[in-house]
C-alpha atoms as a PDB file:
ATOM      1  CA  MET A   1     157.550  10.984  49.030  1.00  0.00           C
ATOM      2  CA  MET A   2     159.524  13.420  51.271  1.00  0.00           C
ATOM      3  CA  LYS A   3     156.746  16.143  50.972  1.00  0.00           C
ATOM      4  CA  MET A   4     154.366  14.299  53.603  1.00  0.00           C
ATOM      5  CA  PHE A   5     156.962  14.981  56.278  1.00  0.00           C
ATOM      6  CA  ARG A   6     158.001  18.124  58.343  1.00  0.00           C
ATOM      7  CA  THR A   7     160.709  19.972  56.787  1.00  0.00           C
ATOM      8  CA  ASP A   8     163.343  19.343  59.269  1.00  0.00           C
ATOM      9  CA  ILE A   9     162.707  15.574  59.312  1.00  0.00           C
ATOM     10  CA  ALA A  10     162.700  15.492  55.372  1.00  0.00           C
ATOM     11  CA  LYS A  11     166.116  17.356  55.405  1.00  0.00           C
ATOM     12  CA  GLN A  12     167.577  14.837  57.764  1.00  0.00           C
ATOM     13  CA  VAL A  13     166.072  11.737  56.068  1.00  0.00           C
ATOM     14  CA  SER A  14     167.134  12.765  52.419  1.00  0.00           C
ATOM     15  CA  SER A  15     170.469  13.891  53.489  1.00  0.00           C
ATOM     16  CA  GLY A  16     173.330  11.384  53.652  1.00  0.00           C
ATOM     17  CA  SER A  17     175.094   9.127  51.242  1.00  0.00           C
ATOM     18  CA  SER A  18     172.153   7.259  49.820  1.00  0.00           C
ATOM     19  CA  PRO A  19     168.536   8.551  49.955  1.00  0.00           C
ATOM     20  CA  PRO A  20     165.632   5.962  50.980  1.00  0.00           C
ATOM     21  CA  ILE A  21     164.532   3.869  48.274  1.00  0.00           C
ATOM     22  CA  LEU A  22     161.960   1.732  50.049  1.00  0.00           C
ATOM     23  CA  VAL A  23     158.986   3.140  51.939  1.00  0.00           C
ATOM     24  CA  SER A  24     159.917   1.007  54.951  1.00  0.00           C
ATOM     25  CA  ASP A  25     163.622   2.448  54.811  1.00  0.00           C
ATOM     26  CA  CYS A  26     162.111   6.079  54.701  1.00  0.00           C
ATOM     27  CA  ILE A  27     159.625   5.289  57.618  1.00  0.00           C
ATOM     28  CA  SER A  28     162.380   3.896  59.900  1.00  0.00           C
ATOM     29  CA  ARG A  29     164.717   6.919  59.043  1.00  0.00           C
ATOM     30  CA  VAL A  30     161.877   9.241  59.758  1.00  0.00           C
ATOM     31  CA  ILE A  31     161.147   7.532  63.126  1.00  0.00           C
ATOM     32  CA  ARG A  32     164.995   7.757  64.098  1.00  0.00           C
ATOM     33  CA  ALA A  33     165.126  11.550  62.897  1.00  0.00           C
ATOM     34  CA  GLU A  34     162.082  12.514  65.046  1.00  0.00           C
ATOM     35  CA  TYR A  35     163.327  10.457  67.893  1.00  0.00           C
ATOM     36  CA  TRP A  36     166.830  12.656  67.922  1.00  0.00           C
ATOM     37  CA  ILE A  37     164.889  15.858  67.174  1.00  0.00           C
ATOM     38  CA  ASN A  38     162.822  15.328  70.162  1.00  0.00           C
ATOM     39  CA  GLN A  39     165.841  14.276  72.417  1.00  0.00           C
ATOM     40  CA  ASP A  40     167.324  17.574  71.326  1.00  0.00           C
ATOM     41  CA  LYS A  41     164.276  19.673  72.259  1.00  0.00           C
ATOM     42  CA  GLU A  42     164.083  17.970  75.661  1.00  0.00           C
ATOM     43  CA  ALA A  43     167.745  18.584  76.341  1.00  0.00           C
ATOM     44  CA  ARG A  44     167.306  22.176  75.393  1.00  0.00           C
ATOM     45  CA  ALA A  45     164.145  22.753  77.374  1.00  0.00           C
ATOM     46  CA  GLN A  46     166.027  21.062  80.447  1.00  0.00           C
ATOM     47  CA  PHE A  47     168.921  23.385  79.974  1.00  0.00           C
ATOM     48  CA  PHE A  48     166.851  26.476  79.855  1.00  0.00           C
ATOM     49  CA  LYS A  49     164.872  25.452  82.854  1.00  0.00           C
ATOM     50  CA  THR A  50     167.931  25.035  85.091  1.00  0.00           C
ATOM     51  CA  LYS A  51     169.373  28.215  83.986  1.00  0.00           C
ATOM     52  CA  LYS A  52     165.982  29.946  84.835  1.00  0.00           C
ATOM     53  CA  GLU A  53     165.942  28.188  88.170  1.00  0.00           C
ATOM     54  CA  GLU A  54     169.509  29.180  88.776  1.00  0.00           C
ATOM     55  CA  LYS A  55     168.750  32.894  87.910  1.00  0.00           C
ATOM     56  CA  ALA A  56     165.769  33.021  90.455  1.00  0.00           C
ATOM     57  CA  VAL A  57     167.859  31.493  93.264  1.00  0.00           C
ATOM     58  CA  VAL A  58     170.640  34.186  92.621  1.00  0.00           C
ATOM     59  CA  LYS A  59     167.814  36.818  92.369  1.00  0.00           C
ATOM     60  CA  GLN A  60     166.390  35.706  95.852  1.00  0.00           C
ATOM     61  CA  LEU A  61     169.681  35.914  97.422  1.00  0.00           C
ATOM     62  CA  GLN A  62     170.875  39.142  96.209  1.00  0.00           C
ATOM     63  CA  PRO A  63     168.189  41.406  97.951  1.00  0.00           C
ATOM     64  CA  ARG A  64     168.899  39.623 101.222  1.00  0.00           C
ATOM     65  CA  GLN A  65     172.721  40.377 100.643  1.00  0.00           C
ATOM     66  CA  ASN A  66     172.066  44.112  99.984  1.00  0.00           C
ATOM     67  CA  SER A  67     169.780  44.615 102.787  1.00  0.00           C
ATOM     68  CA  GLU A  68     172.339  42.959 105.259  1.00  0.00           C
ATOM     69  CA  SER A  69     175.111  45.218 104.126  1.00  0.00           C
ATOM     70  CA  TYR A  70     173.087  48.147 104.296  1.00  0.00           C
ATOM     71  CA  SER A  71     171.841  47.466 107.714  1.00  0.00           C
ATOM     72  CA  LYS A  72     175.616  46.689 108.983  1.00  0.00           C
ATOM     73  CA  GLY A  73     176.669  50.033 107.230  1.00  0.00           C
ATOM     74  CA  GLN A  74     173.935  52.000 109.150  1.00  0.00           C
ATOM     75  CA  THR A  75     174.770  50.144 112.588  1.00  0.00           C
ATOM     76  CA  SER A  76     178.381  51.114 112.454  1.00  0.00           C
ATOM     77  CA  ASN A  77     177.533  54.575 111.180  1.00  0.00           C
ATOM     78  CA  SER A  78     175.295  55.210 113.855  1.00  0.00           C
ATOM     79  CA  ALA A  79     177.708  53.877 116.536  1.00  0.00           C
ATOM     80  CA  GLN A  80     180.370  56.338 115.129  1.00  0.00           C
ATOM     81  CA  GLY A  81     178.121  59.342 115.340  1.00  0.00           C
ATOM     82  CA  SER A  82     177.358  58.741 118.924  1.00  0.00           C
END
């Protein structure tokens, strides 16, 4: 009966202290397993999306900081040379 389900769901449904005996019990377990697998996927996707956005913000800020320090250094060097 478990061959009709995706492998990751079949593993979750068949694992545990008692395997499903009735088809209705099997289906309810499959629905719950699929729900939690999807919740995990969504949480991971949100985590990586947030990390990607954070990296983009840091990357945008870095060139500005570098160019500001470079221009400040040139201003002080040119003032000392005069």
